[in-house]
Amino acid sequence: MSRPTHPDEALFKGEKPFPVLPVCEHYAGSQKTIAHAFELQGELGAVFDVTCDCEDGAPVGEERAHAEMIVQMLRSPANRFGMSGVRVHDRNHPTWRQDIDIVLRGAGERVAYLTLPKATSAADARDMTQYVQEAAQQAGIQRELPIHVLIETHGALRDVWEIAALPWVQTLDFGLLDFISAHHGAIPSHAMRSPGQFEHRLLVRAKTEVVAAALANGIVPSHNISLEMRNPHNTYQDAWRARNEFGFMRMYSIHPDQVKPIVDAMKPSSAEIHRACEILLLAQKESWGPVQLQGDMYDRASYRYFWDVLRKAKACAVTIPAAAEAAFFQ
């Protein structure tokens, strides 16, 4: 009997394979907070990335020492999952190249991605990504190093489609607070929190444009922070709205208490997962032709959607029914 065809073999992948990433990215700027983040990864599992911050985390005048500390943390046994990236300084800061050189030479095989902040144009982002590519080659890195670009300026939003198409770019991250500050008071401060951040017209326009550009180019749109650091329910609500009303597929946190609410809000529901399993198992049995289930018709176009549901569930460490686990993930 021939082996059943796997979804990756049977289904159209789009213009390029879509990355399945953890739905939460946690920022940590000091040695203490990075170590705490690694401990939390050990407790919760490989369900969120840790971004070690050279930009806001580095004391002025100590940028080199800070980057070297991050290298040691990336190389330490505490980084057990290898799910840690680094945010470097922006294009106008004198140490941005130094950040990249130190990180890639010291921990190039352990860094999961680099985050580039405050690009003011596609040209800025292109210059930085090209430098990353050159530095990676010089460091002997034999893989494509994912690059995350923060969209937090007028110029970056204007050029967001061009930025999204740059090579090695894996995510577009919306930077709410810097974006609001760039409007010089035209967007009121209460829009830094909910519900304003989801309702002010300029923010709705910016967020939807970032999501549209990211998804059209096969990369992941990532939502801004929630300022509700001590209220897990409010963090959950922010993440749920970002995912279900705007289409963001990832969100970053700035406090350890935010990680689990973000993961819970953005992971597929149990009902979605069980429905996806039913449909995909039946489709595989029928060699991926059209099927009917409980009076509804499904074909390969819808199978792609449900396969993404299961892939995202795995990235969130959600338990999948045994039959689907055996059929699709073993």
C-alpha atoms as a PDB file:
ATOM      1  CA  MET A   1       0.000   0.000   0.000  1.00  0.00           C
ATOM      2  CA  SER A   2       1.405   3.426  -0.965  1.00  0.00           C
ATOM      3  CA  ARG A   3       2.176   6.032   1.659  1.00  0.00           C
ATOM      4  CA  PRO A   4      -0.569   8.683   2.157  1.00  0.00           C
ATOM      5  CA  THR A   5       0.364  12.022   0.617  1.00  0.00           C
ATOM      6  CA  HIS A   6       1.408  14.647   3.148  1.00  0.00           C
ATOM      7  CA  PRO A   7      -0.199  18.154   3.016  1.00  0.00           C
ATOM      8  CA  ASP A   8       3.180  19.722   2.219  1.00  0.00           C
ATOM      9  CA  GLU A   9       3.315  17.593  -0.932  1.00  0.00           C
ATOM     10  CA  ALA A  10      -0.314  17.937  -1.974  1.00  0.00           C
ATOM     11  CA  LEU A  11      -1.159  21.593  -1.335  1.00  0.00           C
ATOM     12  CA  PHE A  12      -0.161  24.807  -3.094  1.00  0.00           C
ATOM     13  CA  LYS A  13       2.339  26.701  -0.931  1.00  0.00           C
ATOM     14  CA  GLY A  14       1.772  30.147  -2.420  1.00  0.00           C
ATOM     15  CA  GLU A  15       4.404  32.371  -3.968  1.00  0.00           C
ATOM     16  CA  LYS A  16       6.841  31.320  -1.242  1.00  0.00           C
ATOM     17  CA  PRO A  17       6.578  29.106   1.852  1.00  0.00           C
ATOM     18  CA  PHE A  18       4.987  31.026   4.710  1.00  0.00           C
ATOM     19  CA  PRO A  19       7.016  30.991   7.948  1.00  0.00           C
ATOM     20  CA  VAL A  20       5.343  29.526  11.012  1.00  0.00           C
ATOM     21  CA  LEU A  21       6.760  31.387  14.010  1.00  0.00           C
ATOM     22  CA  PRO A  22       5.944  31.498  17.703  1.00  0.00           C
ATOM     23  CA  VAL A  23       3.064  33.906  18.223  1.00  0.00           C
ATOM     24  CA  CYS A  24       4.887  35.845  20.961  1.00  0.00           C
ATOM     25  CA  GLU A  25       8.230  37.637  20.958  1.00  0.00           C
ATOM     26  CA  HIS A  26       9.473  38.790  24.357  1.00  0.00           C
ATOM     27  CA  TYR A  27      11.875  41.731  24.674  1.00  0.00           C
ATOM     28  CA  ALA A  28      14.592  41.669  27.330  1.00  0.00           C
ATOM     29  CA  GLY A  29      17.316  44.277  27.646  1.00  0.00           C
ATOM     30  CA  SER A  30      19.569  43.377  30.594  1.00  0.00           C
ATOM     31  CA  GLN A  31      21.468  40.263  31.593  1.00  0.00           C
ATOM     32  CA  LYS A  32      19.000  39.690  34.419  1.00  0.00           C
ATOM     33  CA  THR A  33      15.877  39.996  32.260  1.00  0.00           C
ATOM     34  CA  ILE A  34      17.365  37.880  29.466  1.00  0.00           C
ATOM     35  CA  ALA A  35      18.200  35.135  31.985  1.00  0.00           C
ATOM     36  CA  HIS A  36      14.658  35.367  33.380  1.00  0.00           C
ATOM     37  CA  ALA A  37      13.234  35.093  29.865  1.00  0.00           C
ATOM     38  CA  PHE A  38      15.263  31.933  29.219  1.00  0.00           C
ATOM     39  CA  GLU A  39      13.963  30.491  32.492  1.00  0.00           C
ATOM     40  CA  LEU A  40      10.408  31.248  31.397  1.00  0.00           C
ATOM     41  CA  GLN A  41      11.055  29.462  28.099  1.00  0.00           C
ATOM     42  CA  GLY A  42      12.115  26.465  30.142  1.00  0.00           C
ATOM     43  CA  GLU A  43       8.832  26.579  32.073  1.00  0.00           C
ATOM     44  CA  LEU A  44       6.427  27.265  29.184  1.00  0.00           C
ATOM     45  CA  GLY A  45       8.311  25.479  26.418  1.00  0.00           C
ATOM     46  CA  ALA A  46       9.309  26.666  22.960  1.00  0.00           C
ATOM     47  CA  VAL A  47       6.224  28.858  22.514  1.00  0.00           C
ATOM     48  CA  PHE A  48       7.859  32.307  22.379  1.00  0.00           C
ATOM     49  CA  ASP A  49      11.026  33.956  21.102  1.00  0.00           C
ATOM     50  CA  VAL A  50      13.328  36.129  23.196  1.00  0.00           C
ATOM     51  CA  THR A  51      14.663  39.337  21.656  1.00  0.00           C
ATOM     52  CA  CYS A  52      17.835  40.526  23.387  1.00  0.00           C
ATOM     53  CA  ASP A  53      17.798  44.304  23.073  1.00  0.00           C
ATOM     54  CA  CYS A  54      20.906  46.254  22.065  1.00  0.00           C
ATOM     55  CA  GLU A  55      18.883  49.390  21.292  1.00  0.00           C
ATOM     56  CA  ASP A  56      16.928  50.408  24.389  1.00  0.00           C
ATOM     57  CA  GLY A  57      18.789  47.969  26.629  1.00  0.00           C
ATOM     58  CA  ALA A  58      22.338  49.298  26.209  1.00  0.00           C
ATOM     59  CA  PRO A  59      23.518  52.075  28.582  1.00  0.00           C
ATOM     60  CA  VAL A  60      24.900  55.062  26.659  1.00  0.00           C
ATOM     61  CA  GLY A  61      28.642  54.646  26.140  1.00  0.00           C
ATOM     62  CA  GLU A  62      28.556  50.920  26.949  1.00  0.00           C
ATOM     63  CA  GLU A  63      27.175  49.625  23.664  1.00  0.00           C
ATOM     64  CA  ARG A  64      30.110  47.305  22.937  1.00  0.00           C
ATOM     65  CA  ALA A  65      30.069  45.711  26.387  1.00  0.00           C
ATOM     66  CA  HIS A  66      26.298  45.272  26.153  1.00  0.00           C
ATOM     67  CA  ALA A  67      26.512  43.529  22.778  1.00  0.00           C
ATOM     68  CA  GLU A  68      29.272  41.264  24.102  1.00  0.00           C
ATOM     69  CA  MET A  69      27.097  40.371  27.102  1.00  0.00           C
ATOM     70  CA  ILE A  70      24.290  39.410  24.734  1.00  0.00           C
ATOM     71  CA  VAL A  71      26.702  37.159  22.816  1.00  0.00           C
ATOM     72  CA  GLN A  72      27.551  35.349  26.041  1.00  0.00           C
ATOM     73  CA  MET A  73      23.866  34.912  26.850  1.00  0.00           C
ATOM     74  CA  LEU A  74      23.136  33.554  23.373  1.00  0.00           C
ATOM     75  CA  ARG A  75      25.997  31.068  23.719  1.00  0.00           C
ATOM     76  CA  SER A  76      25.009  29.981  27.223  1.00  0.00           C
ATOM     77  CA  PRO A  77      23.242  26.690  28.003  1.00  0.00           C
ATOM     78  CA  ALA A  78      20.273  28.745  29.223  1.00  0.00           C
ATOM     79  CA  ASN A  79      19.456  29.460  25.555  1.00  0.00           C
ATOM     80  CA  ARG A  80      18.300  25.882  25.299  1.00  0.00           C
ATOM     81  CA  PHE A  81      15.871  26.274  22.384  1.00  0.00           C
ATOM     82  CA  GLY A  82      17.977  28.580  20.208  1.00  0.00           C
ATOM     83  CA  MET A  83      14.932  30.848  19.906  1.00  0.00           C
ATOM     84  CA  SER A  84      16.629  34.165  20.635  1.00  0.00           C
ATOM     85  CA  GLY A  85      17.166  37.125  18.364  1.00  0.00           C
ATOM     86  CA  VAL A  86      18.796  40.524  18.797  1.00  0.00           C
ATOM     87  CA  ARG A  87      17.535  44.048  18.171  1.00  0.00           C
ATOM     88  CA  VAL A  88      20.421  46.252  17.044  1.00  0.00           C
ATOM     89  CA  HIS A  89      20.652  50.032  17.024  1.00  0.00           C
ATOM     90  CA  ASP A  90      18.982  52.050  14.280  1.00  0.00           C
ATOM     91  CA  ARG A  91      20.556  53.173  10.990  1.00  0.00           C
ATOM     92  CA  ASN A  92      21.483  56.615  12.365  1.00  0.00           C
ATOM     93  CA  HIS A  93      23.217  55.336  15.510  1.00  0.00           C
ATOM     94  CA  PRO A  94      27.029  55.121  15.283  1.00  0.00           C
ATOM     95  CA  THR A  95      27.191  51.569  16.679  1.00  0.00           C
ATOM     96  CA  TRP A  96      24.648  49.709  14.513  1.00  0.00           C
ATOM     97  CA  ARG A  97      27.348  48.013  12.414  1.00  0.00           C
ATOM     98  CA  GLN A  98      29.303  47.219  15.559  1.00  0.00           C
ATOM     99  CA  ASP A  99      26.239  45.529  17.066  1.00  0.00           C
ATOM    100  CA  ILE A 100      25.812  43.322  14.005  1.00  0.00           C
ATOM    101  CA  ASP A 101      29.518  42.447  13.781  1.00  0.00           C
ATOM    102  CA  ILE A 102      29.810  41.496  17.453  1.00  0.00           C
ATOM    103  CA  VAL A 103      26.657  39.388  17.478  1.00  0.00           C
ATOM    104  CA  LEU A 104      27.307  37.531  14.234  1.00  0.00           C
ATOM    105  CA  ARG A 105      31.012  36.906  14.880  1.00  0.00           C
ATOM    106  CA  GLY A 106      30.423  35.860  18.461  1.00  0.00           C
ATOM    107  CA  ALA A 107      27.141  33.918  18.253  1.00  0.00           C
ATOM    108  CA  GLY A 108      26.207  33.723  14.577  1.00  0.00           C
ATOM    109  CA  GLU A 109      25.014  30.125  14.750  1.00  0.00           C
ATOM    110  CA  ARG A 110      22.956  30.777  17.880  1.00  0.00           C
ATOM    111  CA  VAL A 111      21.127  33.966  16.924  1.00  0.00           C
ATOM    112  CA  ALA A 112      17.659  33.219  15.534  1.00  0.00           C
ATOM    113  CA  TYR A 113      17.056  36.611  13.854  1.00  0.00           C
ATOM    114  CA  LEU A 114      18.071  40.261  13.868  1.00  0.00           C
ATOM    115  CA  THR A 115      15.575  43.087  14.408  1.00  0.00           C
ATOM    116  CA  LEU A 116      16.209  46.413  12.654  1.00  0.00           C
ATOM    117  CA  PRO A 117      14.490  49.456  14.228  1.00  0.00           C
ATOM    118  CA  LYS A 118      13.477  52.910  13.027  1.00  0.00           C
ATOM    119  CA  ALA A 119      14.108  52.646   9.308  1.00  0.00           C
ATOM    120  CA  THR A 120      12.982  55.912   7.739  1.00  0.00           C
ATOM    121  CA  SER A 121      12.764  54.528   4.197  1.00  0.00           C
ATOM    122  CA  ALA A 122      13.143  51.367   2.161  1.00  0.00           C
ATOM    123  CA  ALA A 123      16.684  52.559   1.372  1.00  0.00           C
ATOM    124  CA  ASP A 124      17.539  52.505   5.093  1.00  0.00           C
ATOM    125  CA  ALA A 125      16.178  48.994   5.494  1.00  0.00           C
ATOM    126  CA  ARG A 126      17.945  47.854   2.312  1.00  0.00           C
ATOM    127  CA  ASP A 127      21.306  49.218   3.506  1.00  0.00           C
ATOM    128  CA  MET A 128      20.967  47.443   6.836  1.00  0.00           C
ATOM    129  CA  THR A 129      19.836  44.127   5.367  1.00  0.00           C
ATOM    130  CA  GLN A 130      22.695  44.213   2.871  1.00  0.00           C
ATOM    131  CA  TYR A 131      25.150  44.825   5.695  1.00  0.00           C
ATOM    132  CA  VAL A 132      23.683  41.894   7.634  1.00  0.00           C
ATOM    133  CA  GLN A 133      24.135  39.667   4.585  1.00  0.00           C
ATOM    134  CA  GLU A 134      27.752  40.730   4.149  1.00  0.00           C
ATOM    135  CA  ALA A 135      28.524  40.369   7.861  1.00  0.00           C
ATOM    136  CA  ALA A 136      26.920  36.918   7.925  1.00  0.00           C
ATOM    137  CA  GLN A 137      29.086  35.800   5.021  1.00  0.00           C
ATOM    138  CA  GLN A 138      32.214  37.129   6.708  1.00  0.00           C
ATOM    139  CA  ALA A 139      31.242  35.342   9.914  1.00  0.00           C
ATOM    140  CA  GLY A 140      30.931  32.053   8.018  1.00  0.00           C
ATOM    141  CA  ILE A 141      27.181  31.718   8.553  1.00  0.00           C
ATOM    142  CA  GLN A 142      25.871  29.226   5.998  1.00  0.00           C
ATOM    143  CA  ARG A 143      22.163  29.994   6.321  1.00  0.00           C
ATOM    144  CA  GLU A 144      19.782  32.790   5.481  1.00  0.00           C
ATOM    145  CA  LEU A 145      19.544  34.871   8.657  1.00  0.00           C
ATOM    146  CA  PRO A 146      15.957  36.070   9.248  1.00  0.00           C
ATOM    147  CA  ILE A 147      15.545  39.839   9.540  1.00  0.00           C
ATOM    148  CA  HIS A 148      12.673  41.559  11.347  1.00  0.00           C
ATOM    149  CA  VAL A 149      11.970  45.182  10.427  1.00  0.00           C
ATOM    150  CA  LEU A 150      10.184  47.591  12.761  1.00  0.00           C
ATOM    151  CA  ILE A 151       7.695  49.863  11.006  1.00  0.00           C
ATOM    152  CA  GLU A 152       7.504  52.886  13.292  1.00  0.00           C
ATOM    153  CA  THR A 153       8.171  55.970  11.149  1.00  0.00           C
ATOM    154  CA  HIS A 154       6.285  57.825   8.433  1.00  0.00           C
ATOM    155  CA  GLY A 155       8.919  56.868   5.868  1.00  0.00           C
ATOM    156  CA  ALA A 156       8.834  53.186   6.720  1.00  0.00           C
ATOM    157  CA  LEU A 157       5.044  53.111   6.442  1.00  0.00           C
ATOM    158  CA  ARG A 158       5.232  54.916   3.095  1.00  0.00           C
ATOM    159  CA  ASP A 159       7.695  52.282   1.804  1.00  0.00           C
ATOM    160  CA  VAL A 160       6.275  49.292   3.670  1.00  0.00           C
ATOM    161  CA  TRP A 161       5.534  47.234   0.542  1.00  0.00           C
ATOM    162  CA  GLU A 162       9.065  47.698  -0.714  1.00  0.00           C
ATOM    163  CA  ILE A 163      10.504  46.812   2.699  1.00  0.00           C
ATOM    164  CA  ALA A 164       8.359  43.683   2.883  1.00  0.00           C
ATOM    165  CA  ALA A 165       9.835  42.484  -0.416  1.00  0.00           C
ATOM    166  CA  LEU A 166      13.486  42.736   0.701  1.00  0.00           C
ATOM    167  CA  PRO A 167      15.444  39.460   0.846  1.00  0.00           C
ATOM    168  CA  TRP A 168      15.808  37.721   4.214  1.00  0.00           C
ATOM    169  CA  VAL A 169      12.978  39.783   5.777  1.00  0.00           C
ATOM    170  CA  GLN A 170      10.770  37.445   7.824  1.00  0.00           C
ATOM    171  CA  THR A 171       8.504  39.799   9.806  1.00  0.00           C
ATOM    172  CA  LEU A 172       7.203  43.350   9.812  1.00  0.00           C
ATOM    173  CA  ASP A 173       6.794  44.605  13.389  1.00  0.00           C
ATOM    174  CA  PHE A 174       4.538  47.594  14.056  1.00  0.00           C
ATOM    175  CA  GLY A 175       6.037  50.036  16.559  1.00  0.00           C
ATOM    176  CA  LEU A 176       3.074  51.857  18.079  1.00  0.00           C
ATOM    177  CA  LEU A 177       4.722  54.245  20.548  1.00  0.00           C
ATOM    178  CA  ASP A 178       7.375  55.624  18.206  1.00  0.00           C
ATOM    179  CA  PHE A 179       4.783  55.891  15.438  1.00  0.00           C
ATOM    180  CA  ILE A 180       2.462  57.940  17.661  1.00  0.00           C
ATOM    181  CA  SER A 181       5.356  60.146  18.813  1.00  0.00           C
ATOM    182  CA  ALA A 182       6.229  60.830  15.172  1.00  0.00           C
ATOM    183  CA  HIS A 183       2.820  62.521  14.786  1.00  0.00           C
ATOM    184  CA  HIS A 184       3.760  65.351  17.202  1.00  0.00           C
ATOM    185  CA  GLY A 185       0.499  65.282  19.126  1.00  0.00           C
ATOM    186  CA  ALA A 186      -1.857  64.698  16.188  1.00  0.00           C
ATOM    187  CA  ILE A 187      -2.617  61.276  17.686  1.00  0.00           C
ATOM    188  CA  PRO A 188      -3.623  61.677  21.370  1.00  0.00           C
ATOM    189  CA  SER A 189      -1.738  59.835  24.084  1.00  0.00           C
ATOM    190  CA  HIS A 190      -4.757  57.700  25.041  1.00  0.00           C
ATOM    191  CA  ALA A 191      -4.328  55.952  21.679  1.00  0.00           C
ATOM    192  CA  MET A 192      -1.223  54.303  23.144  1.00  0.00           C
ATOM    193  CA  ARG A 193      -3.670  52.059  25.005  1.00  0.00           C
ATOM    194  CA  SER A 194      -6.850  50.215  24.151  1.00  0.00           C
ATOM    195  CA  PRO A 195      -9.370  50.863  22.809  1.00  0.00           C
ATOM    196  CA  GLY A 196      -7.757  53.892  21.133  1.00  0.00           C
ATOM    197  CA  GLN A 197      -4.923  51.957  19.552  1.00  0.00           C
ATOM    198  CA  PHE A 198      -7.476  49.887  17.612  1.00  0.00           C
ATOM    199  CA  GLU A 199      -9.853  52.746  16.770  1.00  0.00           C
ATOM    200  CA  HIS A 200      -7.913  55.903  15.874  1.00  0.00           C
ATOM    201  CA  ARG A 201      -8.129  56.238  12.086  1.00  0.00           C
ATOM    202  CA  LEU A 202      -4.423  56.877  11.523  1.00  0.00           C
ATOM    203  CA  LEU A 203      -3.493  53.803  13.554  1.00  0.00           C
ATOM    204  CA  VAL A 204      -6.093  51.617  11.860  1.00  0.00           C
ATOM    205  CA  ARG A 205      -4.702  52.715   8.495  1.00  0.00           C
ATOM    206  CA  ALA A 206      -1.098  52.018   9.551  1.00  0.00           C
ATOM    207  CA  LYS A 207      -1.787  48.623  11.084  1.00  0.00           C
ATOM    208  CA  THR A 208      -3.856  47.344   8.179  1.00  0.00           C
ATOM    209  CA  GLU A 209      -1.238  48.506   5.688  1.00  0.00           C
ATOM    210  CA  VAL A 210       1.534  46.715   7.594  1.00  0.00           C
ATOM    211  CA  VAL A 211      -0.502  43.502   7.739  1.00  0.00           C
ATOM    212  CA  ALA A 212      -1.471  43.671   4.066  1.00  0.00           C
ATOM    213  CA  ALA A 213       2.120  44.271   2.935  1.00  0.00           C
ATOM    214  CA  ALA A 214       3.478  41.486   5.119  1.00  0.00           C
ATOM    215  CA  LEU A 215       0.963  38.839   4.100  1.00  0.00           C
ATOM    216  CA  ALA A 216       1.144  39.704   0.404  1.00  0.00           C
ATOM    217  CA  ASN A 217       4.906  39.133   0.542  1.00  0.00           C
ATOM    218  CA  GLY A 218       4.734  35.895   2.507  1.00  0.00           C
ATOM    219  CA  ILE A 219       6.078  37.252   5.787  1.00  0.00           C
ATOM    220  CA  VAL A 220       4.611  37.536   9.288  1.00  0.00           C
ATOM    221  CA  PRO A 221       2.974  40.737  10.613  1.00  0.00           C
ATOM    222  CA  SER A 222       3.805  41.331  14.286  1.00  0.00           C
ATOM    223  CA  HIS A 223       1.753  43.590  16.569  1.00  0.00           C
ATOM    224  CA  ASN A 224       3.027  46.213  18.965  1.00  0.00           C
ATOM    225  CA  ILE A 225       3.288  45.914  22.737  1.00  0.00           C
ATOM    226  CA  SER A 226       0.443  46.215  25.198  1.00  0.00           C
ATOM    227  CA  LEU A 227       1.034  48.721  27.991  1.00  0.00           C
ATOM    228  CA  GLU A 228      -1.163  46.576  30.284  1.00  0.00           C
ATOM    229  CA  MET A 229       1.820  44.938  31.942  1.00  0.00           C
ATOM    230  CA  ARG A 230       0.093  43.815  35.133  1.00  0.00           C
ATOM    231  CA  ASN A 231      -3.347  42.923  33.816  1.00  0.00           C
ATOM    232  CA  PRO A 232      -3.282  39.575  31.967  1.00  0.00           C
ATOM    233  CA  HIS A 233      -6.906  39.875  30.845  1.00  0.00           C
ATOM    234  CA  ASN A 234      -6.292  43.225  29.128  1.00  0.00           C
ATOM    235  CA  THR A 235      -3.155  41.873  27.467  1.00  0.00           C
ATOM    236  CA  TYR A 236      -5.192  38.904  26.254  1.00  0.00           C
ATOM    237  CA  GLN A 237      -7.838  41.242  24.836  1.00  0.00           C
ATOM    238  CA  ASP A 238      -5.220  43.332  23.014  1.00  0.00           C
ATOM    239  CA  ALA A 239      -3.674  40.223  21.465  1.00  0.00           C
ATOM    240  CA  TRP A 240      -7.096  38.808  20.544  1.00  0.00           C
ATOM    241  CA  ARG A 241      -8.105  42.024  18.765  1.00  0.00           C
ATOM    242  CA  ALA A 242      -4.763  42.256  16.996  1.00  0.00           C
ATOM    243  CA  ARG A 243      -5.161  38.683  15.713  1.00  0.00           C
ATOM    244  CA  ASN A 244      -8.867  38.524  14.932  1.00  0.00           C
ATOM    245  CA  GLU A 245      -9.682  42.087  13.865  1.00  0.00           C
ATOM    246  CA  PHE A 246      -6.451  43.118  12.146  1.00  0.00           C
ATOM    247  CA  GLY A 247      -4.791  39.888  11.042  1.00  0.00           C
ATOM    248  CA  PHE A 248      -1.570  40.148  13.039  1.00  0.00           C
ATOM    249  CA  MET A 249      -0.047  36.710  13.586  1.00  0.00           C
ATOM    250  CA  ARG A 250       2.484  37.559  16.270  1.00  0.00           C
ATOM    251  CA  MET A 251       2.845  40.100  19.080  1.00  0.00           C
ATOM    252  CA  TYR A 252       5.681  41.225  21.264  1.00  0.00           C
ATOM    253  CA  SER A 253       5.710  41.514  25.034  1.00  0.00           C
ATOM    254  CA  ILE A 254       7.734  43.638  27.440  1.00  0.00           C
ATOM    255  CA  HIS A 255       6.875  41.885  30.702  1.00  0.00           C
ATOM    256  CA  PRO A 256       7.019  38.155  31.533  1.00  0.00           C
ATOM    257  CA  ASP A 257       3.391  38.228  32.707  1.00  0.00           C
ATOM    258  CA  GLN A 258       2.316  39.145  29.174  1.00  0.00           C
ATOM    259  CA  VAL A 259       3.732  36.069  27.432  1.00  0.00           C
ATOM    260  CA  LYS A 260       1.106  33.485  28.319  1.00  0.00           C
ATOM    261  CA  PRO A 261      -1.916  35.762  27.660  1.00  0.00           C
ATOM    262  CA  ILE A 262      -0.512  36.599  24.209  1.00  0.00           C
ATOM    263  CA  VAL A 263       0.077  32.934  23.378  1.00  0.00           C
ATOM    264  CA  ASP A 264      -3.382  31.978  24.633  1.00  0.00           C
ATOM    265  CA  ALA A 265      -5.075  34.737  22.603  1.00  0.00           C
ATOM    266  CA  MET A 266      -3.218  34.040  19.364  1.00  0.00           C
ATOM    267  CA  LYS A 267      -3.100  30.260  19.278  1.00  0.00           C
ATOM    268  CA  PRO A 268      -5.828  28.348  17.381  1.00  0.00           C
ATOM    269  CA  SER A 269      -8.819  27.349  19.483  1.00  0.00           C
ATOM    270  CA  SER A 270      -9.559  23.721  20.353  1.00  0.00           C
ATOM    271  CA  ALA A 271     -12.619  23.821  18.100  1.00  0.00           C
ATOM    272  CA  GLU A 272     -10.524  25.090  15.160  1.00  0.00           C
ATOM    273  CA  ILE A 273      -7.912  22.399  15.724  1.00  0.00           C
ATOM    274  CA  HIS A 274     -10.386  19.528  15.916  1.00  0.00           C
ATOM    275  CA  ARG A 275     -12.230  20.770  12.830  1.00  0.00           C
ATOM    276  CA  ALA A 276      -8.959  21.052  10.934  1.00  0.00           C
ATOM    277  CA  CYS A 277      -8.003  17.513  11.926  1.00  0.00           C
ATOM    278  CA  GLU A 278     -11.328  16.098  10.780  1.00  0.00           C
ATOM    279  CA  ILE A 279     -11.169  17.814   7.418  1.00  0.00           C
ATOM    280  CA  LEU A 280      -7.519  17.080   6.673  1.00  0.00           C
ATOM    281  CA  LEU A 281      -7.698  13.413   7.677  1.00  0.00           C
ATOM    282  CA  LEU A 282     -10.741  12.947   5.463  1.00  0.00           C
ATOM    283  CA  ALA A 283      -9.064  14.837   2.615  1.00  0.00           C
ATOM    284  CA  GLN A 284      -5.930  12.725   2.866  1.00  0.00           C
ATOM    285  CA  LYS A 285      -8.046   9.555   2.763  1.00  0.00           C
ATOM    286  CA  GLU A 286      -9.629  10.866  -0.461  1.00  0.00           C
ATOM    287  CA  SER A 287      -6.222  11.723  -2.004  1.00  0.00           C
ATOM    288  CA  TRP A 288      -6.863  15.457  -1.472  1.00  0.00           C
ATOM    289  CA  GLY A 289      -9.887  15.628  -3.726  1.00  0.00           C
ATOM    290  CA  PRO A 290     -13.052  17.534  -2.675  1.00  0.00           C
ATOM    291  CA  VAL A 291     -14.873  16.139   0.372  1.00  0.00           C
ATOM    292  CA  GLN A 292     -18.095  16.758   2.255  1.00  0.00           C
ATOM    293  CA  LEU A 293     -18.284  16.917   6.023  1.00  0.00           C
ATOM    294  CA  GLN A 294     -21.496  17.588   7.914  1.00  0.00           C
ATOM    295  CA  GLY A 295     -23.075  19.081   4.807  1.00  0.00           C
ATOM    296  CA  ASP A 296     -20.181  21.434   3.937  1.00  0.00           C
ATOM    297  CA  MET A 297     -17.900  21.085   0.902  1.00  0.00           C
ATOM    298  CA  TYR A 298     -14.111  21.440   1.172  1.00  0.00           C
ATOM    299  CA  ASP A 299     -11.349  21.367  -1.431  1.00  0.00           C
ATOM    300  CA  ARG A 300      -7.646  22.129  -1.706  1.00  0.00           C
ATOM    301  CA  ALA A 301      -8.108  25.884  -1.304  1.00  0.00           C
ATOM    302  CA  SER A 302      -9.693  25.371   2.123  1.00  0.00           C
ATOM    303  CA  TYR A 303      -7.266  22.547   3.004  1.00  0.00           C
ATOM    304  CA  ARG A 304      -4.451  25.121   2.871  1.00  0.00           C
ATOM    305  CA  TYR A 305      -6.215  27.166   5.547  1.00  0.00           C
ATOM    306  CA  PHE A 306      -6.739  24.186   7.845  1.00  0.00           C
ATOM    307  CA  TRP A 307      -3.180  22.961   7.370  1.00  0.00           C
ATOM    308  CA  ASP A 308      -1.964  26.374   8.544  1.00  0.00           C
ATOM    309  CA  VAL A 309      -4.190  25.986  11.622  1.00  0.00           C
ATOM    310  CA  LEU A 310      -2.422  22.755  12.575  1.00  0.00           C
ATOM    311  CA  ARG A 311       1.043  24.129  11.871  1.00  0.00           C
ATOM    312  CA  LYS A 312       0.319  27.138  14.093  1.00  0.00           C
ATOM    313  CA  ALA A 313      -1.040  24.864  16.811  1.00  0.00           C
ATOM    314  CA  LYS A 314       2.231  22.933  16.807  1.00  0.00           C
ATOM    315  CA  ALA A 315       4.205  26.180  17.083  1.00  0.00           C
ATOM    316  CA  CYS A 316       2.130  27.023  20.168  1.00  0.00           C
ATOM    317  CA  ALA A 317       2.740  23.559  21.673  1.00  0.00           C
ATOM    318  CA  VAL A 318      -0.979  22.762  21.591  1.00  0.00           C
ATOM    319  CA  THR A 319      -1.825  19.064  21.841  1.00  0.00           C
ATOM    320  CA  ILE A 320      -3.186  17.728  18.558  1.00  0.00           C
ATOM    321  CA  PRO A 321      -5.453  14.641  18.329  1.00  0.00           C
ATOM    322  CA  ALA A 322      -3.381  11.487  18.032  1.00  0.00           C
ATOM    323  CA  ALA A 323      -4.609  10.490  14.568  1.00  0.00           C
ATOM    324  CA  ALA A 324      -3.591  13.851  13.068  1.00  0.00           C
ATOM    325  CA  GLU A 325      -0.311  13.864  14.984  1.00  0.00           C
ATOM    326  CA  ALA A 326       0.587  10.472  13.518  1.00  0.00           C
ATOM    327  CA  ALA A 327      -0.580  11.369  10.012  1.00  0.00           C
ATOM    328  CA  PHE A 328       1.014  14.788   9.649  1.00  0.00           C
ATOM    329  CA  PHE A 329       3.792  15.343  12.205  1.00  0.00           C
ATOM    330  CA  GLN A 330       5.614  12.064  12.722  1.00  0.00           C
END
